[in-house]
């Protein structure tokens, strides 16, 4: 999908790294350190199992986070570029995941999950070939 989009537009879209995704979800340098992306209250910013009626919802129907980004908590799990692995114990700037593995990182939680899974700190994993109605993506545009 991304290769075709790039060919059609002449631009360079890609999946975010896990670090980029989390930085954006937490509100970047405008962060107020909320548990969910933009609020302490998941009902204000996230579609999850307790309020979604078990389906996805149009983006932008909840409040945005500090950077004006919508649905960084809940609605659908979002694929990240990184392969899943343990975090390094040493401090890093803009880290990337391991160079090999079978699962990619997922972030955000979904309409199917409990609210706690929509916290900005939560992470999941799935085989890269997985398909599910609660999986989606958020593209980053490289300059």
Protein backbone atom coordinates (compact mmCIF):
# COMPACT_ATOMS: atom_id res chain seq x y z
CA UNK A 1 0.00 0.00 0.00
CA UNK A 2 2.67 2.51 1.03
CA UNK A 3 4.86 1.76 -2.01
CA UNK A 4 1.92 2.31 -4.33
CA UNK A 5 0.89 5.51 -2.53
CA UNK A 6 4.43 6.86 -2.81
CA UNK A 7 4.53 6.02 -6.52
CA UNK A 8 1.16 7.72 -7.13
CA UNK A 9 1.93 10.87 -5.14
CA UNK A 10 5.67 11.24 -5.63
CA UNK A 11 5.96 11.65 -1.86
CA UNK A 12 7.63 9.48 0.75
CA UNK A 13 5.08 8.12 3.22
CA UNK A 14 6.04 5.46 5.76
CA UNK A 15 4.98 3.89 9.02
CA UNK A 16 6.26 5.72 12.10
CA UNK A 17 8.89 4.17 14.30
CA UNK A 18 7.58 3.23 17.71
CA UNK A 19 9.51 6.14 19.25
CA UNK A 20 8.01 8.62 16.75
CA UNK A 21 4.53 7.24 17.36
CA UNK A 22 4.85 7.57 21.14
CA UNK A 23 6.33 11.08 20.94
CA UNK A 24 3.36 12.18 18.80
CA UNK A 25 0.81 10.39 21.02
CA UNK A 26 2.23 11.97 24.18
CA UNK A 27 1.89 15.46 22.70
CA UNK A 28 5.52 16.06 21.69
CA UNK A 29 7.13 19.08 23.32
CA UNK A 30 3.65 20.33 24.34
CA UNK A 31 2.97 17.24 26.45
CA UNK A 32 0.92 17.59 29.61
CA UNK A 33 1.87 13.99 30.53
CA UNK A 34 -1.62 12.55 30.28
CA UNK A 35 -2.21 8.82 30.61
CA UNK A 36 -4.18 8.80 27.34
CA UNK A 37 -3.36 10.86 24.27
CA UNK A 38 -4.76 14.27 25.21
CA UNK A 39 -6.54 13.49 28.48
CA UNK A 40 -6.64 11.56 31.73
CA UNK A 41 -10.20 10.55 30.77
CA UNK A 42 -10.30 7.84 28.06
CA UNK A 43 -13.92 8.69 27.18
CA UNK A 44 -12.79 12.14 26.02
CA UNK A 45 -10.14 10.91 23.56
CA UNK A 46 -10.53 7.17 22.86
CA UNK A 47 -12.91 4.65 21.36
CA UNK A 48 -12.51 1.43 23.36
CA UNK A 49 -14.61 -1.59 24.32
CA UNK A 50 -16.60 0.34 26.93
CA UNK A 51 -17.86 3.09 24.63
CA UNK A 52 -17.40 2.00 21.00
CA UNK A 53 -20.39 -0.27 20.43
CA UNK A 54 -17.76 -2.75 19.12
CA UNK A 55 -16.90 -0.87 15.93
CA UNK A 56 -14.52 1.72 14.52
CA UNK A 57 -15.53 5.37 14.42
CA UNK A 58 -14.63 8.26 12.10
CA UNK A 59 -11.36 9.95 13.03
CA UNK A 60 -11.78 13.27 14.80
CA UNK A 61 -14.97 12.55 16.74
CA UNK A 62 -13.13 12.72 20.09
CA UNK A 63 -10.82 15.47 21.38
CA UNK A 64 -7.30 15.82 19.90
CA UNK A 65 -4.07 15.69 21.89
CA UNK A 66 -1.74 18.64 22.52
CA UNK A 67 -0.40 18.46 18.94
CA UNK A 68 -3.89 18.42 17.42
CA UNK A 69 -3.68 14.70 16.57
CA UNK A 70 -6.85 12.62 16.84
CA UNK A 71 -7.35 8.99 17.84
CA UNK A 72 -3.83 8.34 19.08
CA UNK A 73 -5.57 6.41 21.88
CA UNK A 74 -8.07 3.76 20.88
CA UNK A 75 -10.19 3.23 17.77
CA UNK A 76 -7.70 0.89 16.00
CA UNK A 77 -4.31 -0.55 16.86
CA UNK A 78 -1.74 1.21 14.68
CA UNK A 79 1.16 -0.53 12.98
CA UNK A 80 4.66 0.80 13.62
CA UNK A 81 7.71 0.33 11.44
CA UNK A 82 9.68 -1.37 14.23
CA UNK A 83 9.85 -5.07 14.83
CA UNK A 84 8.82 -6.04 18.35
CA UNK A 85 11.50 -6.53 20.99
CA UNK A 86 12.48 -5.58 24.52
CA UNK A 87 13.47 -1.99 25.19
CA UNK A 88 17.13 -1.23 25.73
CA UNK A 89 18.14 -0.55 29.32
CA UNK A 90 20.37 2.37 28.26
CA UNK A 91 19.03 5.81 27.33
CA UNK A 92 18.59 6.35 23.58
CA UNK A 93 17.47 9.11 21.24
CA UNK A 94 14.91 8.06 18.65
CA UNK A 95 15.57 4.32 19.02
CA UNK A 96 14.41 1.69 16.54
CA UNK A 97 13.44 -1.90 17.20
CA UNK A 98 15.50 -5.03 16.59
CA UNK A 99 16.76 -5.85 13.08
CA UNK A 100 15.00 -9.22 12.96
CA UNK A 101 11.82 -10.78 14.26
CA UNK A 102 8.39 -11.97 13.20
CA UNK A 103 6.12 -9.42 14.88
CA UNK A 104 5.71 -5.68 14.41
CA UNK A 105 4.89 -3.23 17.16
CA UNK A 106 1.30 -2.07 17.53
CA UNK A 107 0.31 1.03 19.48
CA UNK A 108 -2.94 2.78 20.51
CA UNK A 109 -5.37 0.08 21.66
CA UNK A 110 -8.65 -0.38 19.84
CA UNK A 111 -12.43 -0.26 19.94
CA UNK A 112 -12.35 -3.89 21.04
CA UNK A 113 -10.09 -3.52 24.11
CA UNK A 114 -10.43 -2.30 27.67
CA UNK A 115 -9.66 1.40 28.19
CA UNK A 116 -6.31 0.67 29.86
CA UNK A 117 -4.97 -0.70 26.56
CA UNK A 118 -5.40 2.76 25.03
CA UNK A 119 -2.81 4.38 27.30
CA UNK A 120 0.09 6.01 25.43
CA UNK A 121 2.52 3.70 27.25
CA UNK A 122 0.80 0.50 26.12
CA UNK A 123 2.27 -1.58 23.31
CA UNK A 124 1.27 -4.71 21.50
CA UNK A 125 2.56 -6.96 18.76
CA UNK A 126 1.22 -8.95 15.87
CA UNK A 127 2.71 -10.95 13.03
CA UNK A 128 3.34 -8.64 10.07
CA UNK A 129 0.93 -10.68 7.96
CA UNK A 130 -1.96 -10.36 10.46
CA UNK A 131 -5.32 -8.95 9.45
CA UNK A 132 -8.06 -7.87 11.87
CA UNK A 133 -10.91 -5.34 11.91
CA UNK A 134 -9.26 -3.53 14.83
CA UNK A 135 -5.90 -2.97 13.06
CA UNK A 136 -5.04 0.17 11.12
CA UNK A 137 -2.19 2.51 10.36
CA UNK A 138 -1.11 6.11 10.60
CA UNK A 139 1.27 7.31 7.94
CA UNK A 140 4.17 9.66 8.50
CA UNK A 141 5.40 11.85 5.65
CA UNK A 142 9.18 11.99 5.39
CA UNK A 143 10.63 15.28 4.21
